[in-house]
Amino acid sequence: MKLSAIVPLWALFSLTQQAAPQTSCTCKLNQAENAFPHDKLQTVEGNATDCNTHVTPQKALELESLLLGLEKRLIQLHSDVSILEEEDDGELYGVLSLFVIENEMVEIRHLMDKLNSTTLEHRVLTADTVQQLEELKMEMIKLEKFDTMEVVKGRQVNRHLKNALETCSSGVNATVTPTPPSIGTCQRGPLQNVTGPVVNTQGEFSGNYAYGAWGRDPKPEAKKENWYWVVPLTSNQFANYVRFYSSLSALIIGVSTPGNIQIASSNPTTNTIQGPNTVLYGSALYYNCYNRDAVCRFNLTTKVVTSVQLPKGTRYNSKSNFCHLEDCYLYTDLDLATDESGVWVAYTTTEALGNLVLSKVEETEPPKLGKTWHTSVYKRSVTNTFMACGVLYATRYVDRNLEEVFYSFDTTTGMENFKVGIFINKVSPNIFSLNYNPVDQILYAYCDAKMVSYKALFGYADLYFS
């Protein structure tokens, strides 16, 4: 009996030791779908970024600048050869002239070599870009195959449905879209953003003139639609001429045509320019008359200066400048501006207690002041103003890198807005003049000897339908 009881217990003990519990388990997962190739997507994004970096408007501008430079050199070479043929004395003068011509031919050769290499680079870039775009297209087609939930396809279907719905809604039973409140005199709506800078150049002056103005004529003569003008101020205060360029490329490389058009032979003197806030409109230059509280108009065709007197008590001669906390801009008492309707002038008077006053300058002969508006923004808290669609916009200094369009005044409704909140990226701390051109919707700024431009964007959507 005892032996038969011991044997089963021993057997049970042995079986318990042999069946020790497992400490881990292994699971096998069979994935029915291929893993999404994130590395390929990153490669596509990187290639798209590289394409945007390499293909820029500056590439075309570089080629055009080289062509203009070559044209200028060839004209000069032809002139020098003609002089040599007429005045060669066979002695020292002829030797020196030949030496000058030889140097010019060397420079022309360098320009031609640069032009050839740049043209070749552009051809290679064009071919590479076409190939790269084809590769990007193929990669995107491959990536779409991983969209097993058909998200992209669903979005495309939704887009088609949305378009069909909009087409249907525009029919007999369409709901009329509420008309946004009128802002200014244009259908495009208020200013929404300022992007850029688009252009940033010192032109031919190489930083010699800190104060000045530049831009295009919003109402040019025929065949002068692409001309640009510059008014650099001597001593940061005065000017007696306006300088013209036949294109933007000509301005950048310094080929001036027809050159300077003088207002007066001396500077400063009666009816010459005082301060940087100058504009060109209808082949006439509008500016603050030297040592006067008046707007002068210089007719570029007749070379005649006429003027219009501003209201009694108008502050001038650097007594009510544009300012920020660190500095004030010399002789910015009067600020001329252009928009779709013509020429405007912003200023202040003793009666207005330093607040901005805005007047329309009528294109009569001589010019006269039209309607006047009074605002509640203090002029010395502003760094610049410009007009667009009958709306006055004012800027203020934020820091060395940013300027803010903080204020607007609608001349149509009389409404003021102190919370515009549009920022401008600066290339230098100070913007001494700022003007809007309605033809290209560009803001032209003169900043510490640099000519800079920005694109102005308008619209209603963000304000009323967001």
Protein backbone atom coordinates (compact mmCIF):
# COMPACT_ATOMS: atom_id res chain seq x y z
CA MET A 1 0.00 0.00 0.00
CA LYS A 2 2.71 2.46 0.84
CA LEU A 3 4.72 1.69 -2.26
CA SER A 4 1.71 2.19 -4.56
CA ALA A 5 1.06 5.65 -3.01
CA ILE A 6 4.64 6.85 -3.43
CA VAL A 7 4.95 6.00 -7.14
CA PRO A 8 2.07 8.27 -8.40
CA LEU A 9 3.39 11.19 -6.29
CA TRP A 10 6.87 10.80 -7.77
CA ALA A 11 5.43 10.63 -11.28
CA LEU A 12 3.36 13.76 -10.68
CA PHE A 13 6.46 15.58 -9.43
CA SER A 14 8.42 14.61 -12.54
CA LEU A 15 5.66 15.75 -14.92
CA THR A 16 5.39 19.09 -13.15
CA GLN A 17 9.07 19.79 -13.64
CA GLN A 18 8.96 18.88 -17.35
CA ALA A 19 6.01 21.23 -18.18
CA ALA A 20 7.56 24.54 -17.04
CA PRO A 21 5.52 27.64 -18.20
CA GLN A 22 6.84 29.68 -21.23
CA THR A 23 8.10 33.21 -20.47
CA SER A 24 7.47 34.72 -24.04
CA CYS A 25 5.43 34.23 -27.18
CA THR A 26 5.98 35.12 -30.83
CA CYS A 27 3.25 36.55 -33.11
CA LYS A 28 3.49 36.73 -36.89
CA LEU A 29 1.70 39.65 -38.59
CA ASN A 30 0.91 39.33 -42.25
CA GLN A 31 0.45 42.92 -43.65
CA ALA A 32 -1.87 42.85 -46.61
CA GLU A 33 -0.78 46.34 -47.85
CA ASN A 34 2.65 47.68 -48.76
CA ALA A 35 4.19 50.24 -46.40
CA PHE A 36 3.88 53.86 -47.53
CA PRO A 37 7.25 55.09 -48.92
CA HIS A 38 7.76 58.18 -46.79
CA ASP A 39 11.33 58.51 -48.06
CA LYS A 40 10.07 58.84 -51.65
CA LEU A 41 7.56 61.49 -50.60
CA GLN A 42 10.33 63.46 -48.87
CA THR A 43 12.45 63.14 -52.01
CA VAL A 44 9.59 64.49 -54.16
CA GLU A 45 9.09 67.43 -51.78
CA GLY A 46 12.82 68.15 -51.80
CA ASN A 47 12.96 68.06 -55.60
CA ALA A 48 9.97 70.43 -55.85
CA THR A 49 11.69 72.85 -53.45
CA ASP A 50 14.92 72.67 -55.48
CA CYS A 51 12.96 73.42 -58.65
CA ASN A 52 11.43 76.56 -57.09
CA THR A 53 14.87 77.62 -55.85
CA HIS A 54 16.66 77.24 -59.18
CA VAL A 55 13.99 78.61 -61.53
CA THR A 56 13.48 82.26 -60.53
CA PRO A 57 12.66 85.56 -62.31
CA GLN A 58 16.20 86.71 -61.47
CA LYS A 59 17.55 84.19 -64.00
CA ALA A 60 15.83 85.97 -66.87
CA LEU A 61 16.75 89.35 -65.41
CA GLU A 62 20.42 88.32 -65.32
CA LEU A 63 20.40 87.51 -69.04
CA GLU A 64 18.59 90.73 -69.92
CA SER A 65 21.08 92.76 -67.85
CA LEU A 66 24.02 91.19 -69.71
CA LEU A 67 22.41 92.01 -73.07
CA LEU A 68 21.85 95.62 -72.02
CA GLY A 69 25.44 95.87 -70.80
CA LEU A 70 26.73 94.48 -74.10
CA GLU A 71 24.54 96.90 -76.06
CA LYS A 72 25.90 99.82 -74.03
CA ARG A 73 29.51 98.73 -74.67
CA LEU A 74 28.95 98.33 -78.42
CA ILE A 75 27.42 101.80 -78.69
CA GLN A 76 30.39 103.26 -76.82
CA LEU A 77 32.84 101.34 -79.03
CA HIS A 78 31.17 102.62 -82.20
CA SER A 79 31.35 106.18 -80.86
CA ASP A 80 35.06 105.87 -80.00
CA VAL A 81 35.93 104.38 -83.40
CA SER A 82 34.04 107.20 -85.15
CA ILE A 83 35.96 109.81 -83.15
CA LEU A 84 39.24 108.08 -83.95
CA GLU A 85 38.46 108.06 -87.67
CA GLU A 86 37.66 111.78 -87.63
CA GLU A 87 40.41 113.07 -85.33
CA ASP A 88 43.32 110.62 -85.69
CA ASP A 89 46.55 112.62 -85.93
CA GLY A 90 48.73 109.58 -86.55
CA GLU A 91 50.67 110.28 -83.39
CA LEU A 92 50.05 110.20 -79.63
CA TYR A 93 46.30 110.85 -79.81
CA GLY A 94 45.80 107.93 -82.20
CA VAL A 95 47.87 105.59 -80.01
CA LEU A 96 45.89 106.51 -76.88
CA SER A 97 42.58 106.14 -78.71
CA LEU A 98 43.59 102.72 -79.99
CA PHE A 99 44.58 101.74 -76.45
CA VAL A 100 41.11 102.79 -75.16
CA ILE A 101 39.39 100.89 -77.98
CA GLU A 102 41.50 97.82 -77.26
CA ASN A 103 40.42 97.88 -73.59
CA GLU A 104 36.78 98.25 -74.60
CA MET A 105 37.06 95.27 -76.96
CA VAL A 106 38.54 93.19 -74.14
CA GLU A 107 35.60 94.13 -71.90
CA ILE A 108 33.16 93.31 -74.71
CA ARG A 109 34.87 89.93 -75.12
CA HIS A 110 34.46 89.25 -71.39
CA LEU A 111 30.78 90.22 -71.60
CA MET A 112 30.24 87.93 -74.60
CA ASP A 113 31.94 85.04 -72.80
CA LYS A 114 29.75 85.65 -69.76
CA LEU A 115 26.66 85.88 -71.99
CA ASN A 116 27.53 82.62 -73.75
CA SER A 117 28.14 80.78 -70.49
CA THR A 118 24.94 82.18 -68.96
CA THR A 119 22.93 81.19 -72.04
CA LEU A 120 24.38 77.68 -71.85
CA GLU A 121 23.55 77.49 -68.13
CA HIS A 122 19.97 78.54 -68.86
CA ARG A 123 19.63 75.88 -71.57
CA VAL A 124 20.94 73.20 -69.24
CA LEU A 125 18.67 74.47 -66.46
CA THR A 126 15.65 74.38 -68.80
CA ALA A 127 16.41 70.82 -69.90
CA ASP A 128 17.02 69.67 -66.31
CA THR A 129 13.82 71.35 -65.12
CA VAL A 130 11.71 69.69 -67.83
CA GLN A 131 13.18 66.29 -66.95
CA GLN A 132 12.74 66.94 -63.23
CA LEU A 133 9.08 67.90 -63.70
CA GLU A 134 8.45 64.71 -65.68
CA GLU A 135 10.09 62.66 -62.92
CA LEU A 136 8.03 64.45 -60.27
CA LYS A 137 4.87 63.69 -62.22
CA MET A 138 5.73 59.97 -62.49
CA GLU A 139 6.61 59.77 -58.79
CA MET A 140 3.31 61.38 -57.80
CA ILE A 141 1.43 58.87 -59.99
CA LYS A 142 3.25 56.03 -58.20
CA LEU A 143 2.51 57.52 -54.77
CA GLU A 144 -1.19 57.75 -55.57
CA LYS A 145 -1.28 53.93 -55.78
CA PHE A 146 -0.66 53.78 -52.02
CA ASP A 147 -3.86 55.73 -51.45
CA THR A 148 -5.84 52.52 -50.80
CA MET A 149 -8.55 54.42 -48.96
CA GLU A 150 -8.93 56.57 -52.09
CA VAL A 151 -8.60 59.86 -50.19
CA VAL A 152 -7.16 61.66 -53.23
CA LYS A 153 -9.80 60.19 -55.50
CA GLY A 154 -12.48 61.18 -53.00
CA ARG A 155 -11.21 64.75 -52.95
CA GLN A 156 -11.27 64.85 -56.75
CA VAL A 157 -14.86 63.56 -56.75
CA ASN A 158 -15.79 66.14 -54.10
CA ARG A 159 -14.18 68.89 -56.19
CA HIS A 160 -16.20 67.84 -59.24
CA LEU A 161 -19.37 67.68 -57.15
CA LYS A 162 -18.66 71.12 -55.69
CA ASN A 163 -18.17 72.59 -59.17
CA ALA A 164 -21.38 70.95 -60.37
CA LEU A 165 -23.22 72.29 -57.31
CA GLU A 166 -21.91 75.80 -57.92
CA THR A 167 -22.99 75.59 -61.55
CA CYS A 168 -26.42 74.42 -60.44
CA SER A 169 -26.65 77.16 -57.81
CA SER A 170 -26.00 79.81 -60.43
CA GLY A 171 -29.24 78.82 -62.16
CA VAL A 172 -32.80 79.98 -61.61
CA ASN A 173 -33.02 78.95 -57.96
CA ALA A 174 -29.57 80.24 -56.99
CA THR A 175 -29.11 81.96 -53.65
CA VAL A 176 -27.89 85.51 -54.13
CA THR A 177 -24.48 86.05 -52.52
CA PRO A 178 -24.60 89.00 -50.12
CA THR A 179 -22.75 92.03 -51.46
CA PRO A 180 -19.81 92.97 -49.22
CA PRO A 181 -19.78 96.50 -47.89
CA SER A 182 -18.16 98.98 -50.26
CA ILE A 183 -14.55 99.77 -49.45
CA GLY A 184 -12.82 102.48 -51.44
CA THR A 185 -13.41 103.09 -55.13
CA CYS A 186 -12.28 99.69 -56.55
CA GLN A 187 -14.09 96.40 -56.97
CA ARG A 188 -11.07 94.37 -55.85
CA GLY A 189 -11.64 95.21 -52.18
CA PRO A 190 -9.35 96.38 -49.37
CA LEU A 191 -5.64 95.71 -48.98
CA GLN A 192 -5.14 92.17 -47.65
CA ASN A 193 -1.37 91.63 -47.70
CA VAL A 194 1.99 92.99 -48.86
CA THR A 195 4.47 90.42 -50.18
CA GLY A 196 8.09 90.68 -51.19
CA PRO A 197 10.40 92.40 -51.63
CA VAL A 198 10.11 91.82 -55.38
CA VAL A 199 13.02 94.09 -56.36
CA ASN A 200 15.94 95.18 -54.19
CA THR A 201 18.68 97.22 -55.86
CA GLN A 202 20.91 100.27 -55.42
CA GLY A 203 21.05 100.80 -59.18
CA GLU A 204 23.96 102.90 -60.38
CA PHE A 205 24.22 105.06 -57.24
CA SER A 206 25.90 102.45 -54.99
CA GLY A 207 24.46 103.86 -51.78
CA ASN A 208 25.38 107.52 -52.37
CA TYR A 209 21.86 108.89 -51.84
CA ALA A 210 20.12 107.74 -48.65
CA TYR A 211 16.91 109.72 -49.30
CA GLY A 212 14.92 109.63 -52.52
CA ALA A 213 11.95 108.19 -54.41
CA TRP A 214 11.38 105.95 -57.43
CA GLY A 215 8.63 104.21 -59.36
CA ARG A 216 6.61 104.17 -62.59
CA ASP A 217 4.11 106.63 -64.06
CA PRO A 218 0.57 105.24 -63.52
CA LYS A 219 -0.61 107.36 -66.49
CA PRO A 220 2.34 107.33 -68.91
CA GLU A 221 2.71 108.64 -72.43
CA ALA A 222 2.59 106.17 -75.31
CA LYS A 223 5.76 104.05 -75.67
CA LYS A 224 6.85 105.01 -72.14
CA GLU A 225 4.78 102.40 -70.29
CA ASN A 226 7.87 100.50 -69.12
CA TRP A 227 9.90 103.54 -68.07
CA TYR A 228 11.10 103.96 -64.48
CA TRP A 229 12.10 107.17 -62.73
CA VAL A 230 14.34 108.03 -59.76
CA VAL A 231 14.73 111.22 -57.73
CA PRO A 232 17.81 110.99 -55.46
CA LEU A 233 18.14 113.76 -52.87
CA THR A 234 21.40 115.60 -52.22
CA SER A 235 22.15 116.23 -48.52
CA ASN A 236 19.09 114.02 -47.81
CA GLN A 237 16.93 117.07 -48.51
CA PHE A 238 16.84 118.51 -52.03
CA ALA A 239 16.83 117.65 -55.74
CA ASN A 240 16.60 119.57 -59.01
CA TYR A 241 16.17 116.75 -61.54
CA VAL A 242 14.43 113.45 -62.24
CA ARG A 243 16.32 110.56 -63.86
CA PHE A 244 14.69 108.08 -66.28
CA TYR A 245 15.35 104.48 -67.35
CA SER A 246 13.76 102.60 -70.26
CA SER A 247 13.21 99.40 -68.24
CA LEU A 248 13.74 97.81 -64.84
CA SER A 249 16.86 96.04 -66.10
CA ALA A 250 18.25 99.35 -67.35
CA LEU A 251 17.67 100.87 -63.90
CA ILE A 252 19.41 97.99 -62.15
CA ILE A 253 22.57 98.13 -64.31
CA GLY A 254 22.54 101.93 -64.60
CA VAL A 255 21.77 102.57 -68.30
CA SER A 256 19.77 105.82 -68.14
CA THR A 257 17.60 106.91 -71.11
CA PRO A 258 17.01 109.75 -71.72
CA GLY A 259 19.01 110.59 -68.60
CA ASN A 260 18.31 113.55 -66.32
CA ILE A 261 15.55 116.08 -66.93
CA GLN A 262 16.36 119.24 -64.98
CA ILE A 263 13.82 121.32 -63.12
CA ALA A 264 16.34 124.10 -62.44
CA SER A 265 20.06 124.62 -63.02
CA SER A 266 20.87 125.08 -59.34
CA ASN A 267 19.90 123.24 -56.17
CA PRO A 268 18.14 124.18 -53.97
CA THR A 269 16.27 127.12 -55.45
CA THR A 270 12.72 128.27 -56.11
CA ASN A 271 10.43 125.44 -57.26
CA THR A 272 12.99 122.66 -56.85
CA ILE A 273 12.25 119.47 -54.89
CA GLN A 274 12.26 119.41 -51.09
CA GLY A 275 11.89 116.08 -49.28
CA PRO A 276 11.65 112.48 -50.55
CA ASN A 277 7.87 112.16 -51.00
CA THR A 278 7.73 112.69 -54.76
CA VAL A 279 5.44 111.02 -57.35
CA LEU A 280 5.10 110.98 -61.13
CA TYR A 281 1.65 111.03 -62.72
CA GLY A 282 0.55 111.89 -66.26
CA SER A 283 4.08 112.92 -67.35
CA ALA A 284 4.28 115.45 -64.51
CA LEU A 285 6.32 115.34 -61.31
CA TYR A 286 4.48 116.30 -58.09
CA TYR A 287 6.50 117.28 -55.00
CA ASN A 288 6.86 119.64 -52.03
CA CYS A 289 8.06 123.01 -53.38
CA TYR A 290 11.35 124.15 -51.88
CA ASN A 291 10.81 126.30 -48.76
CA ARG A 292 7.03 126.52 -49.31
CA ASP A 293 3.81 124.97 -47.95
CA ALA A 294 2.74 124.14 -51.48
CA VAL A 295 2.65 121.30 -54.01
CA CYS A 296 4.66 121.87 -57.18
CA ARG A 297 3.96 120.19 -60.51
CA PHE A 298 6.76 119.98 -63.09
CA ASN A 299 5.47 119.25 -66.60
CA LEU A 300 8.05 117.01 -68.28
CA THR A 301 6.94 118.06 -71.76
CA THR A 302 6.75 121.84 -71.40
CA LYS A 303 9.37 122.05 -68.59
CA VAL A 304 7.01 124.45 -66.78
CA VAL A 305 6.49 124.44 -62.98
CA THR A 306 3.08 125.31 -61.55
CA SER A 307 1.94 125.00 -57.94
CA VAL A 308 -1.03 124.89 -55.59
CA GLN A 309 -0.99 126.50 -52.15
CA LEU A 310 -1.99 124.31 -49.20
CA PRO A 311 -4.38 125.54 -46.46
CA LYS A 312 -3.28 128.20 -44.01
CA GLY A 313 -1.39 126.74 -41.05
CA THR A 314 0.07 123.80 -43.02
CA ARG A 315 3.24 122.57 -41.34
CA TYR A 316 6.33 122.49 -43.58
CA ASN A 317 10.15 122.85 -43.57
CA SER A 318 10.63 119.73 -41.43
CA LYS A 319 8.30 120.91 -38.63
CA SER A 320 5.92 117.96 -38.78
CA ASN A 321 7.79 114.99 -40.18
CA PHE A 322 7.01 111.29 -40.29
CA CYS A 323 8.61 109.77 -37.18
CA HIS A 324 9.14 106.74 -35.00
CA LEU A 325 10.55 106.46 -31.47
CA GLU A 326 14.18 106.51 -32.60
CA ASP A 327 14.16 109.06 -35.42
CA CYS A 328 12.23 111.46 -37.68
CA TYR A 329 12.57 111.60 -41.47
CA LEU A 330 13.76 115.01 -42.73
CA TYR A 331 11.40 117.16 -44.81
CA THR A 332 8.53 114.65 -44.89
CA ASP A 333 5.89 117.25 -43.90
CA LEU A 334 4.11 116.70 -47.23
CA ASP A 335 3.54 113.22 -48.66
CA LEU A 336 2.43 112.95 -52.28
CA ALA A 337 0.65 109.78 -53.40
CA THR A 338 -0.98 108.24 -56.47
CA ASP A 339 -3.79 105.73 -56.94
CA GLU A 340 -6.44 104.79 -59.52
CA SER A 341 -8.02 108.25 -59.39
CA GLY A 342 -4.95 110.49 -59.54
CA VAL A 343 -2.75 112.46 -57.14
CA TRP A 344 -3.20 113.06 -53.39
CA VAL A 345 -1.30 114.95 -50.71
CA ALA A 346 -1.15 114.09 -46.99
CA TYR A 347 -0.01 116.74 -44.49
CA THR A 348 -1.05 118.37 -41.22
CA THR A 349 -2.02 121.82 -40.01
CA THR A 350 -2.02 123.72 -36.73
CA GLU A 351 -5.83 123.63 -36.82
CA ALA A 352 -5.79 119.82 -37.13
CA LEU A 353 -3.58 119.64 -34.00
CA GLY A 354 -1.01 117.50 -35.78
CA ASN A 355 -3.44 114.89 -37.13
CA LEU A 356 -3.18 113.77 -40.75
CA VAL A 357 -5.09 115.79 -43.33
CA LEU A 358 -5.70 114.41 -46.84
CA SER A 359 -6.49 116.42 -49.97
CA LYS A 360 -7.10 115.47 -53.58
CA VAL A 361 -4.87 117.30 -56.10
CA GLU A 362 -6.88 118.03 -59.23
CA GLU A 363 -5.19 117.87 -62.66
CA THR A 364 -6.21 121.34 -63.75
CA GLU A 365 -3.93 124.03 -65.14
CA PRO A 366 -2.64 125.24 -62.75
CA PRO A 367 -3.38 122.40 -60.29
CA LYS A 368 -5.83 123.00 -57.46
CA LEU A 369 -6.94 121.25 -54.29
CA GLY A 370 -10.13 119.22 -54.43
CA LYS A 371 -11.98 117.70 -51.50
CA THR A 372 -10.20 117.51 -48.12
CA TRP A 373 -10.61 114.93 -45.32
CA HIS A 374 -9.50 115.12 -41.68
CA THR A 375 -8.38 111.98 -39.83
CA SER A 376 -7.81 111.16 -36.17
CA VAL A 377 -4.34 109.62 -36.58
CA TYR A 378 -1.41 111.72 -35.32
CA LYS A 379 1.04 112.41 -38.16
CA ARG A 380 4.24 112.09 -36.12
CA SER A 381 3.19 108.59 -35.04
CA VAL A 382 3.27 107.55 -38.71
CA THR A 383 6.34 106.66 -40.81
CA ASN A 384 4.68 106.75 -44.25
CA THR A 385 1.37 106.86 -46.09
CA PHE A 386 0.12 105.65 -49.46
CA MET A 387 -3.19 105.61 -51.34
CA ALA A 388 -4.94 102.67 -53.02
CA CYS A 389 -8.51 102.71 -54.38
CA GLY A 390 -9.37 105.92 -52.57
CA VAL A 391 -8.22 104.51 -49.22
CA LEU A 392 -5.41 106.14 -47.23
CA TYR A 393 -3.07 103.64 -45.55
CA ALA A 394 -0.53 104.60 -42.87
CA THR A 395 2.51 102.66 -41.66
CA ARG A 396 4.51 102.62 -38.45
CA TYR A 397 7.95 101.37 -37.45
CA VAL A 398 7.97 98.02 -35.61
CA ASP A 399 11.69 97.19 -35.63
CA ARG A 400 14.65 97.17 -38.02
CA ASN A 401 13.12 94.31 -40.02
CA LEU A 402 9.38 95.04 -39.95
CA GLU A 403 7.04 97.90 -40.84
CA GLU A 404 3.31 97.66 -40.13
CA VAL A 405 0.40 99.02 -42.17
CA PHE A 406 -1.68 99.74 -39.09
CA TYR A 407 -4.25 102.34 -40.18
CA SER A 408 -6.65 103.04 -43.03
CA PHE A 409 -9.09 105.82 -43.88
CA ASP A 410 -11.75 105.26 -46.54
CA THR A 411 -12.49 108.52 -48.38
CA THR A 412 -15.73 107.03 -49.73
CA THR A 413 -17.33 106.23 -46.37
CA GLY A 414 -15.17 108.19 -43.91
CA MET A 415 -14.54 104.98 -41.95
CA GLU A 416 -11.26 104.63 -40.02
CA ASN A 417 -9.53 101.37 -39.06
CA PHE A 418 -6.66 101.29 -36.55
CA LYS A 419 -6.26 97.50 -36.72
CA VAL A 420 -5.24 96.82 -40.32
CA GLY A 421 -2.33 94.61 -39.14
CA ILE A 422 -0.40 94.07 -42.40
CA PHE A 423 3.38 93.70 -42.08
CA ILE A 424 6.11 94.64 -44.56
CA ASN A 425 9.47 92.83 -44.53
CA LYS A 426 12.18 95.50 -44.75
CA VAL A 427 15.64 95.22 -46.30
CA SER A 428 16.94 98.17 -44.26
CA PRO A 429 15.66 99.97 -41.15
CA ASN A 430 14.09 103.07 -42.72
CA ILE A 431 11.55 103.56 -45.52
CA PHE A 432 11.86 107.22 -46.53
CA SER A 433 9.23 107.14 -49.30
CA LEU A 434 6.46 104.68 -50.13
CA ASN A 435 4.01 104.92 -53.02
CA TYR A 436 1.48 102.66 -54.74
CA ASN A 437 1.18 102.22 -58.51
CA PRO A 438 -2.33 101.07 -59.58
CA VAL A 439 -1.10 99.77 -62.98
CA ASP A 440 1.06 96.94 -61.59
CA GLN A 441 -0.30 97.08 -58.00
CA ILE A 442 3.23 97.49 -56.68
CA LEU A 443 4.44 99.50 -53.68
CA TYR A 444 7.65 101.37 -54.51
CA ALA A 445 9.83 102.08 -51.47
CA TYR A 446 13.09 104.02 -51.15
CA CYS A 447 14.98 102.62 -48.16
CA ASP A 448 18.40 103.90 -47.04
CA ALA A 449 19.68 104.28 -50.65
CA LYS A 450 17.97 101.05 -51.81
CA MET A 451 15.12 100.89 -54.31
CA VAL A 452 12.72 98.18 -53.16
CA SER A 453 9.31 97.06 -54.42
CA TYR A 454 6.50 95.00 -52.88
CA LYS A 455 3.36 93.38 -54.30
CA ALA A 456 0.06 94.66 -52.88
CA LEU A 457 -2.73 92.04 -52.64
CA PHE A 458 -6.40 92.99 -52.38
CA GLY A 459 -9.66 91.11 -51.73
CA TYR A 460 -12.83 90.69 -49.69
CA ALA A 461 -12.81 86.97 -48.86
CA ASP A 462 -10.72 86.95 -45.69
CA LEU A 463 -12.67 89.77 -44.11
CA TYR A 464 -16.27 88.86 -44.89
CA PHE A 465 -16.50 85.18 -45.84
CA SER A 466 -13.99 83.40 -43.60
